[in-house]
Amino acid sequence: MRQKTTRAQGNKSISNALASKRKVSKNQVVFFDYRDERKLKRFINDQGKIIPRRITGLTAKEQNLLTHSVKWARFLAVIPYVADEYK
């Protein structure tokens, strides 16, 4: 007889797989400064796109702060809008 898999078990394995890819640990206090280029580049891929929340492991509020910081840093030319390879 086959065992029935519950939805919670299926989601648990996915969350464990994504937990290894997370950029920020759960106990770490998150603050994004638009002038801190090195910290912001950790959350931007090679094309210049902002990495999604499911991969970074940020909360919705933290992801919103990250997005605003990245956009403001781009506006002030701290980081580029697009990578050089794609221009």
C-alpha atoms as a PDB file:
ATOM      1  CA  MET A   1       0.000   0.000   0.000  1.00  0.00           C
ATOM      2  CA  ARG A   2       1.318   3.419  -0.909  1.00  0.00           C
ATOM      3  CA  GLN A   3       1.711   6.071   1.713  1.00  0.00           C
ATOM      4  CA  LYS A   4      -0.129   9.273   1.162  1.00  0.00           C
ATOM      5  CA  THR A   5       2.164  12.295   1.040  1.00  0.00           C
ATOM      6  CA  THR A   6       0.759  15.348   2.658  1.00  0.00           C
ATOM      7  CA  ARG A   7       1.179  18.807   1.261  1.00  0.00           C
ATOM      8  CA  ALA A   8       3.243  19.881   4.281  1.00  0.00           C
ATOM      9  CA  GLN A   9       5.811  17.148   3.646  1.00  0.00           C
ATOM     10  CA  GLY A  10       6.205  18.145   0.006  1.00  0.00           C
ATOM     11  CA  ASN A  11       6.705  21.819   0.882  1.00  0.00           C
ATOM     12  CA  LYS A  12       9.140  20.923   3.647  1.00  0.00           C
ATOM     13  CA  SER A  13      11.579  19.287   1.240  1.00  0.00           C
ATOM     14  CA  ILE A  14      11.417  22.299  -1.070  1.00  0.00           C
ATOM     15  CA  SER A  15      12.041  24.705   1.790  1.00  0.00           C
ATOM     16  CA  ASN A  16      15.031  22.618   2.939  1.00  0.00           C
ATOM     17  CA  ALA A  17      16.481  22.682  -0.562  1.00  0.00           C
ATOM     18  CA  LEU A  18      16.127  26.452  -0.792  1.00  0.00           C
ATOM     19  CA  ALA A  19      17.507  26.991   2.707  1.00  0.00           C
ATOM     20  CA  SER A  20      20.966  26.002   1.486  1.00  0.00           C
ATOM     21  CA  LYS A  21      20.836  28.763  -1.150  1.00  0.00           C
ATOM     22  CA  ARG A  22      19.788  31.540   1.214  1.00  0.00           C
ATOM     23  CA  LYS A  23      21.954  34.659   1.221  1.00  0.00           C
ATOM     24  CA  VAL A  24      21.070  35.772   4.769  1.00  0.00           C
ATOM     25  CA  SER A  25      20.842  33.660   7.917  1.00  0.00           C
ATOM     26  CA  LYS A  26      17.678  33.866   9.990  1.00  0.00           C
ATOM     27  CA  ASN A  27      19.398  35.334  13.063  1.00  0.00           C
ATOM     28  CA  GLN A  28      21.135  38.116  11.160  1.00  0.00           C
ATOM     29  CA  VAL A  29      19.823  41.683  11.471  1.00  0.00           C
ATOM     30  CA  VAL A  30      19.218  43.089   8.012  1.00  0.00           C
ATOM     31  CA  PHE A  31      19.930  46.714   7.161  1.00  0.00           C
ATOM     32  CA  PHE A  32      20.561  47.898   3.619  1.00  0.00           C
ATOM     33  CA  ASP A  33      22.489  51.067   2.965  1.00  0.00           C
ATOM     34  CA  TYR A  34      22.312  52.372  -0.592  1.00  0.00           C
ATOM     35  CA  ARG A  35      25.974  53.421  -0.365  1.00  0.00           C
ATOM     36  CA  ASP A  36      27.233  49.924   0.518  1.00  0.00           C
ATOM     37  CA  GLU A  37      28.001  48.589  -2.960  1.00  0.00           C
ATOM     38  CA  ARG A  38      29.462  45.238  -1.863  1.00  0.00           C
ATOM     39  CA  LYS A  39      26.437  44.300   0.232  1.00  0.00           C
ATOM     40  CA  LEU A  40      23.959  45.249  -2.494  1.00  0.00           C
ATOM     41  CA  LYS A  41      25.863  43.322  -5.181  1.00  0.00           C
ATOM     42  CA  ARG A  42      25.309  40.097  -3.191  1.00  0.00           C
ATOM     43  CA  PHE A  43      21.600  40.466  -3.978  1.00  0.00           C
ATOM     44  CA  ILE A  44      21.998  41.250  -7.684  1.00  0.00           C
ATOM     45  CA  ASN A  45      22.670  38.610 -10.336  1.00  0.00           C
ATOM     46  CA  ASP A  46      25.164  38.879 -13.197  1.00  0.00           C
ATOM     47  CA  GLN A  47      22.600  40.606 -15.437  1.00  0.00           C
ATOM     48  CA  GLY A  48      21.900  43.271 -12.840  1.00  0.00           C
ATOM     49  CA  LYS A  49      18.509  41.952 -11.726  1.00  0.00           C
ATOM     50  CA  ILE A  50      17.474  41.835  -8.068  1.00  0.00           C
ATOM     51  CA  ILE A  51      17.428  38.254  -6.760  1.00  0.00           C
ATOM     52  CA  PRO A  52      13.926  37.148  -5.689  1.00  0.00           C
ATOM     53  CA  ARG A  53      12.804  36.701  -2.124  1.00  0.00           C
ATOM     54  CA  ARG A  54      12.456  32.921  -2.304  1.00  0.00           C
ATOM     55  CA  ILE A  55      16.204  32.645  -2.960  1.00  0.00           C
ATOM     56  CA  THR A  56      17.510  35.423  -0.701  1.00  0.00           C
ATOM     57  CA  GLY A  57      15.462  34.242   2.274  1.00  0.00           C
ATOM     58  CA  LEU A  58      14.447  37.757   3.249  1.00  0.00           C
ATOM     59  CA  THR A  59      11.092  38.682   4.701  1.00  0.00           C
ATOM     60  CA  ALA A  60       8.720  40.782   2.601  1.00  0.00           C
ATOM     61  CA  LYS A  61       9.639  43.911   4.553  1.00  0.00           C
ATOM     62  CA  GLU A  62      13.387  43.264   4.169  1.00  0.00           C
ATOM     63  CA  GLN A  63      13.005  42.532   0.446  1.00  0.00           C
ATOM     64  CA  ASN A  64      11.136  45.816   0.054  1.00  0.00           C
ATOM     65  CA  LEU A  65      13.972  47.688   1.818  1.00  0.00           C
ATOM     66  CA  LEU A  66      16.489  45.917  -0.410  1.00  0.00           C
ATOM     67  CA  THR A  67      14.572  46.870  -3.548  1.00  0.00           C
ATOM     68  CA  HIS A  68      14.371  50.528  -2.561  1.00  0.00           C
ATOM     69  CA  SER A  69      18.068  50.598  -1.643  1.00  0.00           C
ATOM     70  CA  VAL A  70      19.092  49.023  -4.959  1.00  0.00           C
ATOM     71  CA  LYS A  71      16.898  51.386  -6.964  1.00  0.00           C
ATOM     72  CA  TRP A  72      18.246  54.414  -5.113  1.00  0.00           C
ATOM     73  CA  ALA A  73      21.839  53.205  -5.547  1.00  0.00           C
ATOM     74  CA  ARG A  74      21.219  52.780  -9.293  1.00  0.00           C
ATOM     75  CA  PHE A  75      19.761  56.280  -9.494  1.00  0.00           C
ATOM     76  CA  LEU A  76      22.846  57.727  -7.786  1.00  0.00           C
ATOM     77  CA  ALA A  77      25.151  55.621 -10.018  1.00  0.00           C
ATOM     78  CA  VAL A  78      26.608  53.628  -7.131  1.00  0.00           C
ATOM     79  CA  ILE A  79      25.758  50.408  -8.998  1.00  0.00           C
ATOM     80  CA  PRO A  80      24.896  50.022 -12.717  1.00  0.00           C
ATOM     81  CA  TYR A  81      21.401  49.381 -14.032  1.00  0.00           C
ATOM     82  CA  VAL A  82      22.655  46.659 -16.407  1.00  0.00           C
ATOM     83  CA  ALA A  83      25.874  44.630 -16.506  1.00  0.00           C
ATOM     84  CA  ASP A  84      28.484  45.655 -19.098  1.00  0.00           C
ATOM     85  CA  GLU A  85      28.044  42.392 -21.010  1.00  0.00           C
ATOM     86  CA  TYR A  86      24.412  43.204 -21.821  1.00  0.00           C
ATOM     87  CA  LYS A  87      24.805  46.814 -22.950  1.00  0.00           C
END
